[in-house]
Structures are given as structure tokens and as C-alpha cells.
Amino acid sequence: KAIEDIANAADNDFIISTTGKISRELFEFKEHNDMSHSNEFLNV
């Protein structure tokens, strides 16, 4: 839920996320809400 709020607040800004569950949760939230992944770098 916290990551959802961060993704919404960041909007069109750029997000760089750490390896593990954090990147997976960010990716899934944006995927399920038809949000672009172009502004996120998933440091897997």
C-alpha cells in the first residue's frame, strides 16, 4: 500500500527501486493499473 502511494505521488517522475519484493510490488501495481513502466528502473 505504501508503494502504491509512492507510485501515485511520483506520477511522471523517475523511480529507481531496489532488488527483491519492493521492485516486484512496484511493477505489479503499475501493471494492474495500466501505468507506464518507462519511468521506473527496476534494479533487480
PDB file of all heavy atoms in Angstrom:
ATOM      1  N   LYS A   1       0.835  -1.207   0.000  1.00  0.00           N
ATOM      2  CA  LYS A   1       0.000   0.000   0.000  1.00  0.00           C
ATOM      3  C   LYS A   1       0.866   1.252   0.000  1.00  0.00           C
ATOM      4  O   LYS A   1       0.550   2.235  -0.687  1.00  0.00           O
ATOM      5  CB  LYS A   1      -0.932  -0.017   1.229  1.00  0.00           C
ATOM      6  CG  LYS A   1      -1.907   1.150   1.284  1.00  0.00           C
ATOM      7  CD  LYS A   1      -2.811   1.183   0.066  1.00  0.00           C
ATOM      8  CE  LYS A   1      -3.814   2.329   0.159  1.00  0.00           C
ATOM      9  NZ  LYS A   1      -4.546   2.532  -1.124  1.00  0.00           N
ATOM     10  N   ALA A   2       1.953   1.222   0.752  1.00  0.00           N
ATOM     11  CA  ALA A   2       2.858   2.372   0.770  1.00  0.00           C
ATOM     12  C   ALA A   2       3.466   2.605  -0.608  1.00  0.00           C
ATOM     13  O   ALA A   2       3.584   3.749  -1.070  1.00  0.00           O
ATOM     14  CB  ALA A   2       3.960   2.145   1.801  1.00  0.00           C
ATOM     15  N   ILE A   3       3.827   1.519  -1.293  1.00  0.00           N
ATOM     16  CA  ILE A   3       4.408   1.631  -2.629  1.00  0.00           C
ATOM     17  C   ILE A   3       3.389   2.179  -3.622  1.00  0.00           C
ATOM     18  O   ILE A   3       3.725   2.974  -4.511  1.00  0.00           O
ATOM     19  CB  ILE A   3       4.974   0.268  -3.083  1.00  0.00           C
ATOM     20  CG1 ILE A   3       6.240  -0.038  -2.286  1.00  0.00           C
ATOM     21  CG2 ILE A   3       5.256   0.253  -4.583  1.00  0.00           C
ATOM     22  CD1 ILE A   3       6.818  -1.414  -2.534  1.00  0.00           C
ATOM     23  N   GLU A   4       2.136   1.789  -3.476  1.00  0.00           N
ATOM     24  CA  GLU A   4       1.085   2.357  -4.326  1.00  0.00           C
ATOM     25  C   GLU A   4       1.021   3.872  -4.163  1.00  0.00           C
ATOM     26  O   GLU A   4       0.928   4.610  -5.149  1.00  0.00           O
ATOM     27  CB  GLU A   4      -0.263   1.740  -3.961  1.00  0.00           C
ATOM     28  CG  GLU A   4      -0.405   0.275  -4.323  1.00  0.00           C
ATOM     29  CD  GLU A   4      -1.723  -0.327  -3.853  1.00  0.00           C
ATOM     30  OE1 GLU A   4      -2.605   0.460  -3.438  1.00  0.00           O
ATOM     31  OE2 GLU A   4      -1.862  -1.558  -3.897  1.00  0.00           O
ATOM     32  N   ASP A   5       1.068   4.333  -2.928  1.00  0.00           N
ATOM     33  CA  ASP A   5       1.015   5.776  -2.670  1.00  0.00           C
ATOM     34  C   ASP A   5       2.235   6.484  -3.245  1.00  0.00           C
ATOM     35  O   ASP A   5       2.129   7.598  -3.781  1.00  0.00           O
ATOM     36  CB  ASP A   5       0.918   6.036  -1.167  1.00  0.00           C
ATOM     37  CG  ASP A   5      -0.452   5.711  -0.598  1.00  0.00           C
ATOM     38  OD1 ASP A   5      -1.326   5.261  -1.367  1.00  0.00           O
ATOM     39  OD2 ASP A   5      -0.669   5.905   0.606  1.00  0.00           O
ATOM     40  N   ILE A   6       3.390   5.850  -3.133  1.00  0.00           N
ATOM     41  CA  ILE A   6       4.616   6.453  -3.676  1.00  0.00           C
ATOM     42  C   ILE A   6       4.541   6.532  -5.191  1.00  0.00           C
ATOM     43  O   ILE A   6       4.874   7.559  -5.791  1.00  0.00           O
ATOM     44  CB  ILE A   6       5.850   5.636  -3.239  1.00  0.00           C
ATOM     45  CG1 ILE A   6       6.037   5.703  -1.719  1.00  0.00           C
ATOM     46  CG2 ILE A   6       7.113   6.150  -3.942  1.00  0.00           C
ATOM     47  CD1 ILE A   6       6.969   4.652  -1.174  1.00  0.00           C
ATOM     48  N   ALA A   7       4.086   5.448  -5.838  1.00  0.00           N
ATOM     49  CA  ALA A   7       3.980   5.431  -7.305  1.00  0.00           C
ATOM     50  C   ALA A   7       3.013   6.506  -7.794  1.00  0.00           C
ATOM     51  O   ALA A   7       3.268   7.175  -8.804  1.00  0.00           O
ATOM     52  CB  ALA A   7       3.530   4.054  -7.776  1.00  0.00           C
ATOM     53  N   ASN A   8       1.906   6.682  -7.085  1.00  0.00           N
ATOM     54  CA  ASN A   8       0.938   7.714  -7.457  1.00  0.00           C
ATOM     55  C   ASN A   8       1.502   9.110  -7.244  1.00  0.00           C
ATOM     56  O   ASN A   8       1.293  10.012  -8.057  1.00  0.00           O
ATOM     57  CB  ASN A   8      -0.354   7.538  -6.660  1.00  0.00           C
ATOM     58  CG  ASN A   8      -1.205   6.389  -7.170  1.00  0.00           C
ATOM     59  OD1 ASN A   8      -1.253   6.113  -8.372  1.00  0.00           O
ATOM     60  ND2 ASN A   8      -1.883   5.692  -6.264  1.00  0.00           N
ATOM     61  N   ALA A   9       2.223   9.290  -6.156  1.00  0.00           N
ATOM     62  CA  ALA A   9       2.804  10.607  -5.873  1.00  0.00           C
ATOM     63  C   ALA A   9       3.894  10.951  -6.873  1.00  0.00           C
ATOM     64  O   ALA A   9       4.014  12.090  -7.327  1.00  0.00           O
ATOM     65  CB  ALA A   9       3.364  10.636  -4.455  1.00  0.00           C
ATOM     66  N   ALA A  10       4.703   9.952  -7.235  1.00  0.00           N
ATOM     67  CA  ALA A  10       5.786  10.183  -8.184  1.00  0.00           C
ATOM     68  C   ALA A  10       5.251  10.532  -9.572  1.00  0.00           C
ATOM     69  O   ALA A  10       5.872  11.292 -10.313  1.00  0.00           O
ATOM     70  CB  ALA A  10       6.677   8.949  -8.265  1.00  0.00           C
ATOM     71  N   ASP A  11       4.110   9.961  -9.931  1.00  0.00           N
ATOM     72  CA  ASP A  11       3.439  10.248 -11.193  1.00  0.00           C
ATOM     73  C   ASP A  11       4.414  10.094 -12.366  1.00  0.00           C
ATOM     74  O   ASP A  11       4.841   9.008 -12.666  1.00  0.00           O
ATOM     75  CB  ASP A  11       2.830  11.652 -11.136  1.00  0.00           C
ATOM     76  CG  ASP A  11       1.850  11.908 -12.252  1.00  0.00           C
ATOM     77  OD1 ASP A  11       1.344  10.919 -12.834  1.00  0.00           O
ATOM     78  OD2 ASP A  11       1.586  13.083 -12.565  1.00  0.00           O
ATOM     79  N   ASN A  12       4.767  11.194 -13.020  1.00  0.00           N
ATOM     80  CA  ASN A  12       5.650  11.129 -14.184  1.00  0.00           C
ATOM     81  C   ASN A  12       7.121  11.333 -13.847  1.00  0.00           C
ATOM     82  O   ASN A  12       7.958  11.432 -14.743  1.00  0.00           O
ATOM     83  CB  ASN A  12       5.218  12.169 -15.228  1.00  0.00           C
ATOM     84  CG  ASN A  12       3.880  11.810 -15.853  1.00  0.00           C
ATOM     85  OD1 ASN A  12       3.618  10.646 -16.153  1.00  0.00           O
ATOM     86  ND2 ASN A  12       3.027  12.804 -16.032  1.00  0.00           N
ATOM     87  N   ASP A  13       7.426  11.426 -12.560  1.00  0.00           N
ATOM     88  CA  ASP A  13       8.830  11.489 -12.152  1.00  0.00           C
ATOM     89  C   ASP A  13       9.494  10.135 -12.408  1.00  0.00           C
ATOM     90  O   ASP A  13       8.840   9.177 -12.813  1.00  0.00           O
ATOM     91  CB  ASP A  13       8.946  11.840 -10.663  1.00  0.00           C
ATOM     92  CG  ASP A  13       8.441  13.240 -10.347  1.00  0.00           C
ATOM     93  OD1 ASP A  13       8.425  14.081 -11.260  1.00  0.00           O
ATOM     94  OD2 ASP A  13       8.069  13.472  -9.181  1.00  0.00           O
ATOM     95  N   PHE A  14      10.775  10.049 -12.118  1.00  0.00           N
ATOM     96  CA  PHE A  14      11.526   8.819 -12.347  1.00  0.00           C
ATOM     97  C   PHE A  14      11.738   8.064 -11.038  1.00  0.00           C
ATOM     98  O   PHE A  14      12.076   8.652 -10.016  1.00  0.00           O
ATOM     99  CB  PHE A  14      12.856   9.134 -13.024  1.00  0.00           C
ATOM    100  CG  PHE A  14      12.692   9.630 -14.432  1.00  0.00           C
ATOM    101  CD1 PHE A  14      12.478  10.976 -14.687  1.00  0.00           C
ATOM    102  CD2 PHE A  14      12.712   8.741 -15.501  1.00  0.00           C
ATOM    103  CE1 PHE A  14      12.312  11.437 -15.985  1.00  0.00           C
ATOM    104  CE2 PHE A  14      12.543   9.188 -16.802  1.00  0.00           C
ATOM    105  CZ  PHE A  14      12.333  10.536 -17.050  1.00  0.00           C
ATOM    106  N   ILE A  15      11.526   6.750 -11.085  1.00  0.00           N
ATOM    107  CA  ILE A  15      11.647   5.900  -9.903  1.00  0.00           C
ATOM    108  C   ILE A  15      12.721   4.841 -10.141  1.00  0.00           C
ATOM    109  O   ILE A  15      12.734   4.178 -11.177  1.00  0.00           O
ATOM    110  CB  ILE A  15      10.315   5.185  -9.591  1.00  0.00           C
ATOM    111  CG1 ILE A  15       9.180   6.190  -9.407  1.00  0.00           C
ATOM    112  CG2 ILE A  15      10.467   4.317  -8.338  1.00  0.00           C
ATOM    113  CD1 ILE A  15       7.814   5.526  -9.255  1.00  0.00           C
ATOM    114  N   ILE A  16      13.598   4.691  -9.170  1.00  0.00           N
ATOM    115  CA  ILE A  16      14.610   3.641  -9.206  1.00  0.00           C
ATOM    116  C   ILE A  16      14.403   2.798  -7.955  1.00  0.00           C
ATOM    117  O   ILE A  16      14.462   3.312  -6.836  1.00  0.00           O
ATOM    118  CB  ILE A  16      16.028   4.227  -9.259  1.00  0.00           C
ATOM    119  CG1 ILE A  16      16.188   5.037 -10.549  1.00  0.00           C
ATOM    120  CG2 ILE A  16      17.086   3.131  -9.168  1.00  0.00           C
ATOM    121  CD1 ILE A  16      17.427   5.873 -10.633  1.00  0.00           C
ATOM    122  N   SER A  17      14.125   1.513  -8.134  1.00  0.00           N
ATOM    123  CA  SER A  17      13.745   0.677  -6.987  1.00  0.00           C
ATOM    124  C   SER A  17      14.730  -0.468  -6.776  1.00  0.00           C
ATOM    125  O   SER A  17      15.294  -1.013  -7.722  1.00  0.00           O
ATOM    126  CB  SER A  17      12.332   0.119  -7.185  1.00  0.00           C
ATOM    127  OG  SER A  17      12.252  -0.663  -8.354  1.00  0.00           O
ATOM    128  N   THR A  18      14.896  -0.845  -5.523  1.00  0.00           N
ATOM    129  CA  THR A  18      15.877  -1.853  -5.151  1.00  0.00           C
ATOM    130  C   THR A  18      15.418  -3.266  -5.493  1.00  0.00           C
ATOM    131  O   THR A  18      14.243  -3.519  -5.770  1.00  0.00           O
ATOM    132  CB  THR A  18      16.202  -1.746  -3.649  1.00  0.00           C
ATOM    133  OG1 THR A  18      17.350  -2.545  -3.342  1.00  0.00           O
ATOM    134  CG2 THR A  18      15.031  -2.227  -2.792  1.00  0.00           C
ATOM    135  N   THR A  19      16.329  -4.191  -5.425  1.00  0.00           N
ATOM    136  CA  THR A  19      16.062  -5.589  -5.762  1.00  0.00           C
ATOM    137  C   THR A  19      15.090  -6.238  -4.778  1.00  0.00           C
ATOM    138  O   THR A  19      14.974  -5.812  -3.637  1.00  0.00           O
ATOM    139  CB  THR A  19      17.389  -6.387  -5.806  1.00  0.00           C
ATOM    140  OG1 THR A  19      17.156  -7.671  -6.333  1.00  0.00           O
ATOM    141  CG2 THR A  19      18.011  -6.518  -4.420  1.00  0.00           C
ATOM    142  N   GLY A  20      14.385  -7.271  -5.238  1.00  0.00           N
ATOM    143  CA  GLY A  20      13.507  -8.031  -4.351  1.00  0.00           C
ATOM    144  C   GLY A  20      12.049  -7.632  -4.437  1.00  0.00           C
ATOM    145  O   GLY A  20      11.557  -7.162  -5.470  1.00  0.00           O
ATOM    146  N   LYS A  21      11.346  -7.810  -3.317  1.00  0.00           N
ATOM    147  CA  LYS A  21       9.897  -7.622  -3.280  1.00  0.00           C
ATOM    148  C   LYS A  21       9.491  -6.178  -3.603  1.00  0.00           C
ATOM    149  O   LYS A  21       8.419  -5.938  -4.163  1.00  0.00           O
ATOM    150  CB  LYS A  21       9.349  -8.007  -1.901  1.00  0.00           C
ATOM    151  CG  LYS A  21       9.527  -9.491  -1.556  1.00  0.00           C
ATOM    152  CD  LYS A  21       8.601 -10.368  -2.365  1.00  0.00           C
ATOM    153  CE  LYS A  21       8.833 -11.856  -2.108  1.00  0.00           C
ATOM    154  NZ  LYS A  21       8.575 -12.280  -0.739  1.00  0.00           N
ATOM    155  N   ILE A  22      10.314  -5.216  -3.243  1.00  0.00           N
ATOM    156  CA  ILE A  22       9.959  -3.808  -3.484  1.00  0.00           C
ATOM    157  C   ILE A  22       9.764  -3.554  -4.975  1.00  0.00           C
ATOM    158  O   ILE A  22       8.757  -2.967  -5.399  1.00  0.00           O
ATOM    159  CB  ILE A  22      11.020  -2.861  -2.889  1.00  0.00           C
ATOM    160  CG1 ILE A  22      10.924  -2.890  -1.356  1.00  0.00           C
ATOM    161  CG2 ILE A  22      10.839  -1.426  -3.412  1.00  0.00           C
ATOM    162  CD1 ILE A  22      12.004  -2.105  -0.646  1.00  0.00           C
ATOM    163  N   SER A  23      10.699  -3.998  -5.798  1.00  0.00           N
ATOM    164  CA  SER A  23      10.562  -3.809  -7.250  1.00  0.00           C
ATOM    165  C   SER A  23       9.387  -4.611  -7.803  1.00  0.00           C
ATOM    166  O   SER A  23       8.661  -4.146  -8.689  1.00  0.00           O
ATOM    167  CB  SER A  23      11.855  -4.223  -7.966  1.00  0.00           C
ATOM    168  OG  SER A  23      12.815  -3.188  -7.919  1.00  0.00           O
ATOM    169  N   ARG A  24       9.176  -5.802  -7.272  1.00  0.00           N
ATOM    170  CA  ARG A  24       8.064  -6.627  -7.748  1.00  0.00           C
ATOM    171  C   ARG A  24       6.719  -5.983  -7.407  1.00  0.00           C
ATOM    172  O   ARG A  24       5.782  -5.987  -8.226  1.00  0.00           O
ATOM    173  CB  ARG A  24       8.161  -8.021  -7.152  1.00  0.00           C
ATOM    174  CG  ARG A  24       9.294  -8.856  -7.737  1.00  0.00           C
ATOM    175  CD  ARG A  24       9.480 -10.164  -6.993  1.00  0.00           C
ATOM    176  NE  ARG A  24       8.280 -10.998  -7.047  1.00  0.00           N
ATOM    177  CZ  ARG A  24       8.167 -12.158  -6.401  1.00  0.00           C
ATOM    178  NH1 ARG A  24       9.168 -12.607  -5.665  1.00  0.00           N
ATOM    179  NH2 ARG A  24       7.060 -12.880  -6.515  1.00  0.00           N
ATOM    180  N   GLU A  25       6.601  -5.424  -6.225  1.00  0.00           N
ATOM    181  CA  GLU A  25       5.347  -4.781  -5.824  1.00  0.00           C
ATOM    182  C   GLU A  25       5.096  -3.504  -6.612  1.00  0.00           C
ATOM    183  O   GLU A  25       3.953  -3.210  -7.000  1.00  0.00           O
ATOM    184  CB  GLU A  25       5.366  -4.513  -4.320  1.00  0.00           C
ATOM    185  CG  GLU A  25       5.226  -5.796  -3.512  1.00  0.00           C
ATOM    186  CD  GLU A  25       5.479  -5.633  -2.024  1.00  0.00           C
ATOM    187  OE1 GLU A  25       5.973  -4.562  -1.614  1.00  0.00           O
ATOM    188  OE2 GLU A  25       5.184  -6.574  -1.270  1.00  0.00           O
ATOM    189  N   LEU A  26       6.152  -2.761  -6.880  1.00  0.00           N
ATOM    190  CA  LEU A  26       6.013  -1.564  -7.712  1.00  0.00           C
ATOM    191  C   LEU A  26       5.563  -1.951  -9.118  1.00  0.00           C
ATOM    192  O   LEU A  26       4.627  -1.361  -9.669  1.00  0.00           O
ATOM    193  CB  LEU A  26       7.353  -0.815  -7.782  1.00  0.00           C
ATOM    194  CG  LEU A  26       7.411   0.355  -8.767  1.00  0.00           C
ATOM    195  CD1 LEU A  26       6.456   1.474  -8.334  1.00  0.00           C
ATOM    196  CD2 LEU A  26       8.841   0.885  -8.896  1.00  0.00           C
ATOM    197  N   PHE A  27       6.214  -2.951  -9.694  1.00  0.00           N
ATOM    198  CA  PHE A  27       5.886  -3.375 -11.047  1.00  0.00           C
ATOM    199  C   PHE A  27       4.434  -3.859 -11.128  1.00  0.00           C
ATOM    200  O   PHE A  27       3.698  -3.476 -12.046  1.00  0.00           O
ATOM    201  CB  PHE A  27       6.828  -4.487 -11.506  1.00  0.00           C
ATOM    202  CG  PHE A  27       6.613  -4.909 -12.932  1.00  0.00           C
ATOM    203  CD1 PHE A  27       7.285  -4.272 -13.960  1.00  0.00           C
ATOM    204  CD2 PHE A  27       5.725  -5.926 -13.252  1.00  0.00           C
ATOM    205  CE1 PHE A  27       7.080  -4.638 -15.283  1.00  0.00           C
ATOM    206  CE2 PHE A  27       5.512  -6.300 -14.566  1.00  0.00           C
ATOM    207  CZ  PHE A  27       6.189  -5.660 -15.583  1.00  0.00           C
ATOM    208  N   GLU A  28       4.022  -4.691 -10.166  1.00  0.00           N
ATOM    209  CA  GLU A  28       2.662  -5.242 -10.226  1.00  0.00           C
ATOM    210  C   GLU A  28       1.606  -4.150 -10.104  1.00  0.00           C
ATOM    211  O   GLU A  28       0.610  -4.165 -10.831  1.00  0.00           O
ATOM    212  CB  GLU A  28       2.455  -6.276  -9.125  1.00  0.00           C
ATOM    213  CG  GLU A  28       1.039  -6.867  -9.158  1.00  0.00           C
ATOM    214  CD  GLU A  28       0.846  -8.024  -8.204  1.00  0.00           C
ATOM    215  OE1 GLU A  28       1.630  -8.999  -8.275  1.00  0.00           O
ATOM    216  OE2 GLU A  28      -0.101  -7.956  -7.397  1.00  0.00           O
ATOM    217  N   PHE A  29       1.818  -3.195  -9.193  1.00  0.00           N
ATOM    218  CA  PHE A  29       0.838  -2.124  -9.041  1.00  0.00           C
ATOM    219  C   PHE A  29       0.673  -1.355 -10.350  1.00  0.00           C
ATOM    220  O   PHE A  29      -0.461  -1.104 -10.797  1.00  0.00           O
ATOM    221  CB  PHE A  29       1.262  -1.164  -7.927  1.00  0.00           C
ATOM    222  CG  PHE A  29       0.415   0.085  -7.867  1.00  0.00           C
ATOM    223  CD1 PHE A  29      -0.904   0.026  -7.437  1.00  0.00           C
ATOM    224  CD2 PHE A  29       0.935   1.309  -8.271  1.00  0.00           C
ATOM    225  CE1 PHE A  29      -1.693   1.170  -7.405  1.00  0.00           C
ATOM    226  CE2 PHE A  29       0.153   2.455  -8.238  1.00  0.00           C
ATOM    227  CZ  PHE A  29      -1.169   2.388  -7.801  1.00  0.00           C
ATOM    228  N   LYS A  30       1.780  -0.985 -10.980  1.00  0.00           N
ATOM    229  CA  LYS A  30       1.695  -0.214 -12.213  1.00  0.00           C
ATOM    230  C   LYS A  30       1.118  -1.054 -13.351  1.00  0.00           C
ATOM    231  O   LYS A  30       0.369  -0.556 -14.181  1.00  0.00           O
ATOM    232  CB  LYS A  30       3.071   0.344 -12.566  1.00  0.00           C
ATOM    233  CG  LYS A  30       3.601   1.327 -11.513  1.00  0.00           C
ATOM    234  CD  LYS A  30       4.899   1.975 -11.923  1.00  0.00           C
ATOM    235  CE  LYS A  30       4.676   3.032 -12.963  1.00  0.00           C
ATOM    236  NZ  LYS A  30       5.921   3.768 -13.311  1.00  0.00           N
ATOM    237  N   GLU A  31       1.463  -2.333 -13.367  1.00  0.00           N
ATOM    238  CA  GLU A  31       0.953  -3.235 -14.397  1.00  0.00           C
ATOM    239  C   GLU A  31      -0.568  -3.363 -14.299  1.00  0.00           C
ATOM    240  O   GLU A  31      -1.281  -3.308 -15.311  1.00  0.00           O
ATOM    241  CB  GLU A  31       1.612  -4.612 -14.242  1.00  0.00           C
ATOM    242  CG  GLU A  31       1.216  -5.630 -15.284  1.00  0.00           C
ATOM    243  CD  GLU A  31       1.880  -5.414 -16.634  1.00  0.00           C
ATOM    244  OE1 GLU A  31       2.704  -4.471 -16.783  1.00  0.00           O
ATOM    245  OE2 GLU A  31       1.577  -6.199 -17.553  1.00  0.00           O
ATOM    246  N   HIS A  32      -1.087  -3.526 -13.087  1.00  0.00           N
ATOM    247  CA  HIS A  32      -2.522  -3.718 -12.890  1.00  0.00           C
ATOM    248  C   HIS A  32      -3.322  -2.432 -13.044  1.00  0.00           C
ATOM    249  O   HIS A  32      -4.548  -2.479 -13.159  1.00  0.00           O
ATOM    250  CB  HIS A  32      -2.788  -4.322 -11.511  1.00  0.00           C
ATOM    251  CG  HIS A  32      -2.389  -5.764 -11.422  1.00  0.00           C
ATOM    252  ND1 HIS A  32      -2.426  -6.489 -10.252  1.00  0.00           N
ATOM    253  CD2 HIS A  32      -1.937  -6.632 -12.377  1.00  0.00           C
ATOM    254  CE1 HIS A  32      -2.023  -7.724 -10.484  1.00  0.00           C
ATOM    255  NE2 HIS A  32      -1.722  -7.829 -11.764  1.00  0.00           N
ATOM    256  N   ASN A  33      -2.638  -1.298 -13.046  1.00  0.00           N
ATOM    257  CA  ASN A  33      -3.336  -0.017 -13.180  1.00  0.00           C
ATOM    258  C   ASN A  33      -2.998   0.681 -14.489  1.00  0.00           C
ATOM    259  O   ASN A  33      -3.198   1.893 -14.615  1.00  0.00           O
ATOM    260  CB  ASN A  33      -2.984   0.875 -11.986  1.00  0.00           C
ATOM    261  CG  ASN A  33      -3.652   0.413 -10.702  1.00  0.00           C
ATOM    262  OD1 ASN A  33      -4.782   0.782 -10.413  1.00  0.00           O
ATOM    263  ND2 ASN A  33      -2.953  -0.402  -9.928  1.00  0.00           N
ATOM    264  N   ASP A  34      -2.506  -0.099 -15.444  1.00  0.00           N
ATOM    265  CA  ASP A  34      -2.200   0.409 -16.796  1.00  0.00           C
ATOM    266  C   ASP A  34      -1.316   1.646 -16.766  1.00  0.00           C
ATOM    267  O   ASP A  34      -1.499   2.582 -17.555  1.00  0.00           O
ATOM    268  CB  ASP A  34      -3.505   0.719 -17.551  1.00  0.00           C
ATOM    269  CG  ASP A  34      -4.335  -0.525 -17.794  1.00  0.00           C
ATOM    270  OD1 ASP A  34      -3.739  -1.585 -18.068  1.00  0.00           O
ATOM    271  OD2 ASP A  34      -5.582  -0.441 -17.685  1.00  0.00           O
ATOM    272  N   MET A  35      -0.367   1.659 -15.857  1.00  0.00           N
ATOM    273  CA  MET A  35       0.588   2.760 -15.760  1.00  0.00           C
ATOM    274  C   MET A  35       1.867   2.381 -16.491  1.00  0.00           C
ATOM    275  O   MET A  35       2.273   1.219 -16.493  1.00  0.00           O
ATOM    276  CB  MET A  35       0.888   3.079 -14.282  1.00  0.00           C
ATOM    277  CG  MET A  35      -0.335   3.514 -13.485  1.00  0.00           C
ATOM    278  SD  MET A  35      -0.028   3.598 -11.694  1.00  0.00           S
ATOM    279  CE  MET A  35       1.027   5.040 -11.609  1.00  0.00           C
ATOM    280  N   SER A  36       2.495   3.336 -17.114  1.00  0.00           N
ATOM    281  CA  SER A  36       3.710   3.081 -17.882  1.00  0.00           C
ATOM    282  C   SER A  36       4.850   2.637 -16.966  1.00  0.00           C
ATOM    283  O   SER A  36       5.004   3.127 -15.852  1.00  0.00           O
ATOM    284  CB  SER A  36       4.126   4.342 -18.635  1.00  0.00           C
ATOM    285  OG  SER A  36       5.384   4.151 -19.257  1.00  0.00           O
ATOM    286  N   HIS A  37       5.651   1.706 -17.480  1.00  0.00           N
ATOM    287  CA  HIS A  37       6.846   1.275 -16.756  1.00  0.00           C
ATOM    288  C   HIS A  37       8.086   2.041 -17.211  1.00  0.00           C
ATOM    289  O   HIS A  37       9.174   1.822 -16.670  1.00  0.00           O
ATOM    290  CB  HIS A  37       7.090  -0.225 -16.981  1.00  0.00           C
ATOM    291  CG  HIS A  37       6.024  -1.100 -16.410  1.00  0.00           C
ATOM    292  ND1 HIS A  37       5.827  -1.253 -15.053  1.00  0.00           N
ATOM    293  CD2 HIS A  37       5.091  -1.863 -17.016  1.00  0.00           C
ATOM    294  CE1 HIS A  37       4.824  -2.085 -14.845  1.00  0.00           C
ATOM    295  NE2 HIS A  37       4.355  -2.471 -16.021  1.00  0.00           N
ATOM    296  N   SER A  38       7.928   2.924 -18.189  1.00  0.00           N
ATOM    297  CA  SER A  38       9.089   3.584 -18.784  1.00  0.00           C
ATOM    298  C   SER A  38       9.849   4.469 -17.804  1.00  0.00           C
ATOM    299  O   SER A  38      11.048   4.692 -17.969  1.00  0.00           O
ATOM    300  CB  SER A  38       8.655   4.433 -19.992  1.00  0.00           C
ATOM    301  OG  SER A  38       8.091   3.623 -20.989  1.00  0.00           O
ATOM    302  N   ASN A  39       9.144   4.982 -16.784  1.00  0.00           N
ATOM    303  CA  ASN A  39       9.803   5.888 -15.845  1.00  0.00           C
ATOM    304  C   ASN A  39      10.321   5.178 -14.604  1.00  0.00           C
ATOM    305  O   ASN A  39      10.693   5.810 -13.615  1.00  0.00           O
ATOM    306  CB  ASN A  39       8.859   7.019 -15.430  1.00  0.00           C
ATOM    307  CG  ASN A  39       7.684   6.517 -14.606  1.00  0.00           C
ATOM    308  OD1 ASN A  39       7.247   5.377 -14.750  1.00  0.00           O
ATOM    309  ND2 ASN A  39       7.173   7.370 -13.723  1.00  0.00           N
ATOM    310  N   GLU A  40      10.363   3.833 -14.630  1.00  0.00           N
ATOM    311  CA  GLU A  40      10.879   3.084 -13.482  1.00  0.00           C
ATOM    312  C   GLU A  40      12.071   2.238 -13.907  1.00  0.00           C
ATOM    313  O   GLU A  40      12.050   1.607 -14.968  1.00  0.00           O
ATOM    314  CB  GLU A  40       9.795   2.180 -12.883  1.00  0.00           C
ATOM    315  CG  GLU A  40       9.377   1.040 -13.807  1.00  0.00           C
ATOM    316  CD  GLU A  40       8.163   0.275 -13.330  1.00  0.00           C
ATOM    317  OE1 GLU A  40       7.229   0.912 -12.822  1.00  0.00           O
ATOM    318  OE2 GLU A  40       8.134  -0.955 -13.492  1.00  0.00           O
ATOM    319  N   PHE A  41      13.120   2.262 -13.111  1.00  0.00           N
ATOM    320  CA  PHE A  41      14.257   1.376 -13.333  1.00  0.00           C
ATOM    321  C   PHE A  41      14.262   0.382 -12.186  1.00  0.00           C
ATOM    322  O   PHE A  41      14.448   0.747 -11.025  1.00  0.00           O
ATOM    323  CB  PHE A  41      15.573   2.155 -13.357  1.00  0.00           C
ATOM    324  CG  PHE A  41      16.786   1.263 -13.532  1.00  0.00           C
ATOM    325  CD1 PHE A  41      17.130   0.773 -14.781  1.00  0.00           C
ATOM    326  CD2 PHE A  41      17.552   0.902 -12.431  1.00  0.00           C
ATOM    327  CE1 PHE A  41      18.219  -0.062 -14.941  1.00  0.00           C
ATOM    328  CE2 PHE A  41      18.651   0.067 -12.575  1.00  0.00           C
ATOM    329  CZ  PHE A  41      18.985  -0.414 -13.832  1.00  0.00           C
ATOM    330  N   LEU A  42      14.027  -0.890 -12.523  1.00  0.00           N
ATOM    331  CA  LEU A  42      13.977  -1.944 -11.515  1.00  0.00           C
ATOM    332  C   LEU A  42      15.371  -2.535 -11.354  1.00  0.00           C
ATOM    333  O   LEU A  42      15.841  -3.283 -12.207  1.00  0.00           O
ATOM    334  CB  LEU A  42      12.987  -3.036 -11.951  1.00  0.00           C
ATOM    335  CG  LEU A  42      11.571  -2.566 -12.297  1.00  0.00           C
ATOM    336  CD1 LEU A  42      10.745  -3.727 -12.823  1.00  0.00           C
ATOM    337  CD2 LEU A  42      10.894  -1.931 -11.079  1.00  0.00           C
ATOM    338  N   ASN A  43      16.015  -2.175 -10.254  1.00  0.00           N
ATOM    339  CA  ASN A  43      17.370  -2.657 -10.007  1.00  0.00           C
ATOM    340  C   ASN A  43      17.281  -4.078  -9.453  1.00  0.00           C
ATOM    341  O   ASN A  43      17.383  -4.307  -8.251  1.00  0.00           O
ATOM    342  CB  ASN A  43      18.072  -1.718  -9.007  1.00  0.00           C
ATOM    343  CG  ASN A  43      19.496  -2.119  -8.734  1.00  0.00           C
ATOM    344  OD1 ASN A  43      20.187  -2.581  -9.626  1.00  0.00           O
ATOM    345  ND2 ASN A  43      19.936  -1.952  -7.503  1.00  0.00           N
ATOM    346  N   VAL A  44      17.103  -5.059 -10.351  1.00  0.00           N
ATOM    347  CA  VAL A  44      16.751  -6.407  -9.925  1.00  0.00           C
ATOM    348  C   VAL A  44      17.894  -7.152  -9.240  1.00  0.00           C
ATOM    349  O   VAL A  44      17.675  -8.131  -8.548  1.00  0.00           O
ATOM    350  CB  VAL A  44      16.230  -7.251 -11.110  1.00  0.00           C
ATOM    351  CG1 VAL A  44      14.939  -6.659 -11.641  1.00  0.00           C
ATOM    352  CG2 VAL A  44      17.277  -7.373 -12.220  1.00  0.00           C
TER     353      VAL A  44
END
